[in-house]
Amino acid sequence: NASGCSVTSGSVVSGHSVTCSNSGSITNRGSATNTLSSVVIKSGTTDVSGNYSITKLNGTLTVNARSITVTASGGSKTYDGSALTNASGCSVTSGSVVSGHSVACSNSGSITNKGSTTNTLSSVSIKSGTTDVTGNYSITKANGTLTVNARATTCTSGSSSRGYNGSALTNTTGGSCTNLVSGHSATFSGHTGSITNVGSVANTFGSVVIKSGTTDVSGNYSITKATGTLTVTKVDATCPTTTAYSGTYDNAAHSISISGGSGGTIQYSSDNSSWSTTNPSRTSAGSQTTYVRVVGDSNHNTVSCTSRTITVNARWIT
């Protein structure tokens, strides 16, 4: 305040003006004396200071702290097994700093697993260039929040398929999960899928545990459960053992011999076109072919089997 002043006791003659010179100056927060160096009193352009007995009093110059609120930065991410930290981020959320001043912070928040934690604003430093001017500010510190969100995964119980063999197909442990953090593994339990005959069923499961090494980290995942499929497919029916017939005419009907066979109904044909469950026979001398097949049931495919010959030789007489 280089020239400001006022008459604080007594008065000057009407029409006289007072001019002062001061030497006070202050930049940083605090107070300083504004020294009244000289006083000139004029009547128009005429200096009439000599007509006054002047008592000079100094003033006070005060720089008040600049009020700001600084808030530690928050942050969020999807769970990935590593810590989420924000050691230095912050921003001025109320008030403002002087142009050209920079704000630096130290925070102490850290979180690894799903959830939220406070990102505590530990300290604030404000600089003008390389000069620390923090003391010129009245700083209200506010904390931020760090959040780790659940990692989405779809866990599907195992699927398997095989040909029919008369025993149940089950899957009591199998399964896989998508989008797991590297090194994590999933273990399934409580499977209910089972099928014996040809067809498909859902392979459901009760629960899944996701681990990092030996540590259960399932709580860090948002798990969608999906079922696998158990499938039993048809296999070929088993042909019977067949034996051709060859003999001398004896006026009796003869057929090929059949034993065994499974997985359906045995059928016969003399022309490989018309089929019947009746085994063809021959009485008169000559030969004929008998074709054999097994028509599969619900668990078996139909198969064509080896054909055999019935041979009746003429009976020689003299």
Protein backbone atom coordinates (compact mmCIF):
# COMPACT_ATOMS: atom_id res chain seq x y z
CA ASN A 1 0.00 0.00 0.00
CA ALA A 2 2.42 2.71 -1.29
CA SER A 3 0.20 5.79 -0.98
CA GLY A 4 -2.91 4.99 0.96
CA CYS A 5 -3.58 6.84 4.22
CA SER A 6 -6.33 8.57 6.13
CA VAL A 7 -6.66 11.19 8.88
CA THR A 8 -7.65 9.18 11.93
CA SER A 9 -7.57 11.96 14.55
CA GLY A 10 -8.25 15.65 14.12
CA SER A 11 -9.09 17.11 10.72
CA VAL A 12 -7.59 19.08 7.88
CA VAL A 13 -8.89 22.46 6.74
CA SER A 14 -11.69 22.23 4.23
CA GLY A 15 -10.28 22.06 0.72
CA HIS A 16 -6.92 20.70 1.83
CA SER A 17 -5.74 17.29 0.50
CA VAL A 18 -3.52 14.69 2.12
CA THR A 19 -0.98 12.62 0.18
CA CYS A 20 1.09 9.86 1.79
CA SER A 21 4.06 7.66 0.94
CA ASN A 22 4.21 4.16 2.50
CA SER A 23 6.89 1.46 2.42
CA GLY A 24 5.08 -1.72 3.52
CA SER A 25 5.02 -4.90 1.38
CA ILE A 26 4.12 -8.56 2.04
CA THR A 27 3.70 -11.56 -0.26
CA ASN A 28 3.22 -14.67 1.85
CA ARG A 29 0.62 -15.42 4.46
CA GLY A 30 1.08 -13.27 7.60
CA SER A 31 1.21 -9.58 8.61
CA ALA A 32 3.70 -6.75 8.04
CA THR A 33 3.90 -3.07 9.05
CA ASN A 34 2.88 -0.59 6.39
CA THR A 35 5.27 2.19 7.38
CA LEU A 36 4.01 5.77 6.80
CA SER A 37 7.14 7.40 5.35
CA SER A 38 5.91 10.90 4.52
CA VAL A 39 2.79 13.09 4.55
CA VAL A 40 2.13 16.09 2.31
CA ILE A 41 -0.86 18.37 2.82
CA LYS A 42 -1.77 20.79 0.05
CA SER A 43 -4.14 23.60 -0.55
CA GLY A 44 -4.57 23.31 -4.27
CA THR A 45 -0.97 23.09 -5.45
CA THR A 46 0.49 24.82 -2.40
CA ASP A 47 2.22 22.69 0.24
CA VAL A 48 0.76 23.67 3.60
CA SER A 49 2.17 20.72 5.57
CA GLY A 50 4.10 23.15 7.85
CA ASN A 51 0.82 24.39 9.22
CA TYR A 52 0.04 21.02 10.71
CA SER A 53 1.50 19.08 13.64
CA ILE A 54 1.37 15.61 12.17
CA THR A 55 1.53 12.36 14.17
CA LYS A 56 2.30 9.51 11.81
CA LEU A 57 0.88 6.06 12.55
CA ASN A 58 1.78 2.93 10.62
CA GLY A 59 -0.80 0.55 9.16
CA THR A 60 -0.79 -3.22 8.87
CA LEU A 61 -0.74 -5.30 5.69
CA THR A 62 -2.14 -8.83 6.11
CA VAL A 63 -2.12 -11.77 3.66
CA ASN A 64 -4.68 -14.37 4.75
CA ALA A 65 -4.36 -18.08 3.96
CA ARG A 66 -6.05 -19.14 0.75
CA SER A 67 -8.68 -21.78 1.61
CA ILE A 68 -8.86 -24.88 -0.58
CA THR A 69 -10.10 -28.45 -0.28
CA VAL A 70 -7.83 -31.13 -1.70
CA THR A 71 -9.29 -34.60 -2.29
CA ALA A 72 -7.32 -37.78 -2.82
CA SER A 73 -8.10 -39.39 -6.14
CA GLY A 74 -10.32 -42.45 -6.23
CA GLY A 75 -10.01 -45.35 -8.59
CA SER A 76 -11.68 -48.58 -9.65
CA LYS A 77 -10.83 -51.65 -11.65
CA THR A 78 -11.96 -55.21 -12.25
CA TYR A 79 -10.32 -57.76 -9.97
CA ASP A 80 -7.08 -59.07 -11.47
CA GLY A 81 -5.24 -60.37 -8.42
CA SER A 82 -2.96 -57.33 -8.09
CA ALA A 83 -3.27 -54.34 -5.75
CA LEU A 84 -5.07 -51.16 -6.76
CA THR A 85 -3.23 -48.16 -5.30
CA ASN A 86 -3.25 -44.41 -5.88
CA ALA A 87 -0.17 -43.13 -4.08
CA SER A 88 -0.11 -39.58 -5.39
CA GLY A 89 -3.29 -38.62 -7.21
CA CYS A 90 -5.39 -35.72 -5.90
CA SER A 91 -7.29 -32.67 -7.07
CA VAL A 92 -8.48 -29.33 -5.70
CA THR A 93 -12.21 -29.84 -5.23
CA SER A 94 -13.08 -26.53 -3.53
CA GLY A 95 -11.41 -23.15 -3.92
CA SER A 96 -8.43 -22.73 -6.23
CA VAL A 97 -4.69 -22.35 -6.15
CA VAL A 98 -2.85 -19.32 -7.47
CA SER A 99 -2.10 -19.52 -11.18
CA GLY A 100 1.21 -21.26 -11.74
CA HIS A 101 1.13 -23.13 -8.44
CA SER A 102 1.23 -26.93 -8.50
CA VAL A 103 -0.26 -29.42 -6.05
CA ALA A 104 1.36 -32.73 -5.09
CA CYS A 105 -0.12 -35.31 -2.72
CA SER A 106 0.78 -38.49 -0.89
CA ASN A 107 -1.93 -41.13 -0.38
CA SER A 108 -1.93 -44.41 1.52
CA GLY A 109 -4.85 -46.46 0.10
CA SER A 110 -4.44 -49.95 -1.34
CA ILE A 111 -6.87 -52.81 -2.08
CA THR A 112 -6.50 -56.16 -3.88
CA ASN A 113 -9.71 -58.13 -3.36
CA LYS A 114 -13.26 -57.22 -4.34
CA GLY A 115 -14.62 -54.31 -2.27
CA SER A 116 -13.84 -50.68 -1.43
CA THR A 117 -11.33 -48.94 0.82
CA THR A 118 -10.42 -45.38 1.78
CA ASN A 119 -7.63 -43.72 -0.18
CA THR A 120 -6.29 -41.60 2.68
CA LEU A 121 -4.81 -38.22 1.77
CA SER A 122 -1.65 -38.22 3.92
CA SER A 123 0.02 -34.95 2.88
CA VAL A 124 -0.29 -32.04 0.45
CA SER A 125 2.51 -29.92 -0.94
CA ILE A 126 1.97 -26.77 -3.02
CA LYS A 127 4.82 -25.19 -4.93
CA SER A 128 5.50 -22.12 -6.99
CA GLY A 129 8.19 -23.43 -9.28
CA THR A 130 10.58 -25.07 -6.85
CA THR A 131 9.51 -22.94 -3.87
CA ASP A 132 7.21 -24.51 -1.29
CA VAL A 133 4.23 -22.19 -0.71
CA THR A 134 2.06 -24.68 1.18
CA GLY A 135 2.05 -22.43 4.25
CA ASN A 136 0.07 -19.80 2.35
CA TYR A 137 -2.92 -22.12 2.06
CA SER A 138 -5.52 -23.29 4.55
CA ILE A 139 -5.98 -26.86 3.31
CA THR A 140 -8.93 -29.11 4.07
CA LYS A 141 -7.96 -32.68 3.22
CA ALA A 142 -10.55 -35.18 1.94
CA ASN A 143 -10.07 -38.86 1.25
CA GLY A 144 -10.92 -40.74 -1.96
CA THR A 145 -12.23 -44.27 -2.51
CA LEU A 146 -10.55 -47.21 -4.20
CA THR A 147 -12.85 -49.95 -5.51
CA VAL A 148 -12.14 -53.40 -6.92
CA ASN A 149 -15.12 -54.81 -8.82
CA ALA A 150 -15.93 -58.49 -9.21
CA ARG A 151 -14.46 -60.25 -12.25
CA ALA A 152 -17.14 -61.87 -14.42
CA THR A 153 -16.69 -65.54 -15.28
CA THR A 154 -18.89 -68.26 -16.74
CA CYS A 155 -18.23 -71.69 -15.24
CA THR A 156 -19.47 -74.62 -17.31
CA SER A 157 -19.55 -78.20 -16.09
CA GLY A 158 -17.78 -80.71 -18.30
CA SER A 159 -19.32 -82.34 -21.35
CA SER A 160 -18.53 -85.83 -22.55
CA SER A 161 -19.75 -88.35 -25.08
CA ARG A 162 -19.32 -92.06 -25.71
CA GLY A 163 -20.93 -95.00 -27.40
CA TYR A 164 -23.55 -97.06 -25.57
CA ASN A 165 -22.10 -99.84 -23.40
CA GLY A 166 -24.88 -100.50 -20.92
CA SER A 167 -23.30 -98.57 -18.02
CA ALA A 168 -23.97 -95.01 -16.85
CA LEU A 169 -21.99 -92.07 -18.22
CA THR A 170 -21.35 -89.49 -15.48
CA ASN A 171 -19.08 -86.50 -14.99
CA THR A 172 -18.42 -85.86 -11.30
CA THR A 173 -15.51 -83.41 -11.43
CA GLY A 174 -15.13 -81.82 -14.86
CA GLY A 175 -15.66 -78.19 -15.82
CA SER A 176 -13.98 -74.97 -16.91
CA CYS A 177 -14.32 -71.23 -16.26
CA THR A 178 -13.75 -68.31 -18.62
CA ASN A 179 -11.84 -65.10 -17.91
CA LEU A 180 -9.91 -66.35 -14.88
CA VAL A 181 -6.85 -64.45 -13.67
CA SER A 182 -3.68 -66.17 -14.85
CA GLY A 183 -2.70 -68.89 -12.40
CA HIS A 184 -6.19 -69.32 -10.93
CA SER A 185 -7.94 -72.69 -11.14
CA ALA A 186 -11.51 -73.91 -10.67
CA THR A 187 -12.76 -77.04 -8.91
CA PHE A 188 -16.32 -78.27 -9.46
CA SER A 189 -18.48 -80.41 -7.17
CA GLY A 190 -22.02 -81.73 -6.86
CA HIS A 191 -22.54 -82.92 -10.43
CA THR A 192 -25.92 -84.55 -11.08
CA GLY A 193 -25.65 -85.58 -14.73
CA SER A 194 -25.98 -89.30 -15.55
CA ILE A 195 -27.18 -91.17 -18.63
CA THR A 196 -27.10 -94.84 -19.66
CA ASN A 197 -29.16 -95.18 -22.83
CA VAL A 198 -28.71 -93.29 -26.09
CA GLY A 199 -29.56 -89.60 -25.78
CA SER A 200 -28.35 -86.43 -24.03
CA VAL A 201 -28.83 -84.90 -20.58
CA ALA A 202 -27.63 -81.73 -18.86
CA ASN A 203 -24.57 -82.18 -16.68
CA THR A 204 -25.42 -79.79 -13.85
CA PHE A 205 -23.18 -79.03 -10.86
CA GLY A 206 -23.69 -77.74 -7.35
CA SER A 207 -20.76 -75.42 -6.71
CA VAL A 208 -17.41 -74.21 -7.98
CA VAL A 209 -14.41 -72.97 -6.01
CA ILE A 210 -11.79 -70.74 -7.64
CA LYS A 211 -8.35 -70.73 -6.06
CA SER A 212 -5.06 -68.90 -6.36
CA GLY A 213 -2.68 -71.61 -5.23
CA THR A 214 -4.36 -72.85 -2.03
CA THR A 215 -6.26 -69.59 -1.35
CA ASP A 216 -9.98 -69.45 -2.12
CA VAL A 217 -10.58 -66.33 -4.24
CA SER A 218 -14.11 -67.18 -5.37
CA GLY A 219 -15.48 -64.07 -3.65
CA ASN A 220 -13.66 -61.90 -6.17
CA TYR A 221 -15.64 -63.36 -9.07
CA SER A 222 -19.18 -62.88 -10.32
CA ILE A 223 -19.92 -66.46 -11.37
CA THR A 224 -22.48 -67.47 -13.98
CA LYS A 225 -23.12 -71.22 -13.91
CA ALA A 226 -23.71 -73.12 -17.15
CA THR A 227 -24.39 -76.82 -17.65
CA GLY A 228 -22.47 -79.18 -19.87
CA THR A 229 -23.96 -82.09 -21.82
CA LEU A 230 -23.57 -85.84 -21.42
CA THR A 231 -24.27 -87.78 -24.61
CA VAL A 232 -24.54 -91.50 -25.30
CA THR A 233 -24.48 -92.45 -28.97
CA LYS A 234 -25.58 -95.61 -30.75
CA VAL A 235 -23.09 -98.41 -31.43
CA ASP A 236 -23.38 -101.19 -33.98
CA ALA A 237 -25.37 -104.26 -33.03
CA THR A 238 -23.39 -107.50 -32.68
CA CYS A 239 -23.83 -110.08 -35.43
CA PRO A 240 -24.59 -113.67 -34.45
CA THR A 241 -22.26 -116.55 -35.27
CA THR A 242 -23.54 -118.24 -38.43
CA THR A 243 -22.70 -121.68 -39.84
CA ALA A 244 -23.55 -122.87 -43.33
CA TYR A 245 -25.35 -126.19 -43.86
CA SER A 246 -24.22 -128.93 -46.23
CA GLY A 247 -25.71 -132.40 -46.30
CA THR A 248 -27.35 -135.14 -48.33
CA TYR A 249 -31.02 -134.99 -49.17
CA ASP A 250 -33.10 -136.65 -46.45
CA ASN A 251 -36.50 -135.11 -47.08
CA ALA A 252 -36.03 -132.78 -44.05
CA ALA A 253 -35.84 -128.97 -43.98
CA HIS A 254 -32.43 -127.57 -43.21
CA SER A 255 -31.31 -124.01 -42.31
CA ILE A 256 -28.04 -122.26 -41.47
CA SER A 257 -27.09 -122.39 -37.78
CA ILE A 258 -27.35 -119.19 -35.68
CA SER A 259 -25.97 -118.48 -32.21
CA GLY A 260 -25.43 -115.31 -30.21
CA GLY A 261 -25.90 -111.79 -31.53
CA SER A 262 -27.19 -108.78 -29.56
CA GLY A 263 -28.40 -105.22 -29.82
CA GLY A 264 -31.54 -105.80 -31.84
CA THR A 265 -33.63 -108.27 -33.82
CA ILE A 266 -32.05 -110.89 -36.10
CA GLN A 267 -33.65 -111.00 -39.53
CA TYR A 268 -33.13 -113.26 -42.56
CA SER A 269 -33.55 -112.94 -46.29
CA SER A 270 -33.16 -115.28 -49.26
CA ASP A 271 -32.82 -112.41 -51.76
CA ASN A 272 -31.18 -109.71 -49.61
CA SER A 273 -34.31 -107.64 -50.14
CA SER A 274 -37.30 -109.10 -48.33
CA TRP A 275 -36.59 -109.66 -44.63
CA SER A 276 -38.22 -111.78 -41.95
CA THR A 277 -37.46 -113.11 -38.49
CA THR A 278 -37.93 -116.63 -39.87
CA ASN A 279 -34.74 -118.49 -40.75
CA PRO A 280 -35.22 -119.82 -44.32
CA SER A 281 -34.86 -123.57 -44.92
CA ARG A 282 -34.36 -125.95 -47.87
CA THR A 283 -35.51 -129.52 -48.29
CA SER A 284 -34.84 -130.43 -51.91
CA ALA A 285 -31.44 -130.95 -53.45
CA GLY A 286 -29.70 -127.74 -54.50
CA SER A 287 -28.35 -124.67 -52.72
CA GLN A 288 -29.57 -121.28 -51.61
CA THR A 289 -28.03 -118.31 -49.80
CA THR A 290 -29.36 -116.97 -46.51
CA TYR A 291 -28.58 -113.34 -45.72
CA VAL A 292 -28.45 -112.23 -42.08
CA ARG A 293 -28.76 -108.81 -40.45
CA VAL A 294 -29.46 -107.38 -37.00
CA VAL A 295 -32.02 -104.57 -36.91
CA GLY A 296 -30.73 -102.32 -34.12
CA ASP A 297 -32.77 -101.29 -31.11
CA SER A 298 -32.83 -97.77 -29.58
CA ASN A 299 -29.19 -98.10 -28.49
CA HIS A 300 -27.75 -99.86 -31.55
CA ASN A 301 -27.29 -99.34 -35.26
CA THR A 302 -28.57 -101.91 -37.77
CA VAL A 303 -25.76 -104.05 -39.18
CA SER A 304 -25.52 -106.44 -42.11
CA CYS A 305 -23.89 -109.75 -41.27
CA THR A 306 -22.19 -112.53 -43.27
CA SER A 307 -24.37 -114.57 -45.62
CA ARG A 308 -24.27 -118.39 -45.48
CA THR A 309 -25.28 -121.15 -47.91
CA ILE A 310 -27.65 -124.11 -47.48
CA THR A 311 -26.46 -126.98 -49.65
CA VAL A 312 -28.56 -130.15 -50.06
CA ASN A 313 -26.75 -132.74 -52.13
CA ALA A 314 -28.64 -135.26 -54.26
CA ARG A 315 -28.97 -138.65 -52.68
CA TRP A 316 -27.28 -141.22 -54.86
CA ILE A 317 -28.85 -144.54 -55.27
CA THR A 318 -28.25 -147.49 -57.57
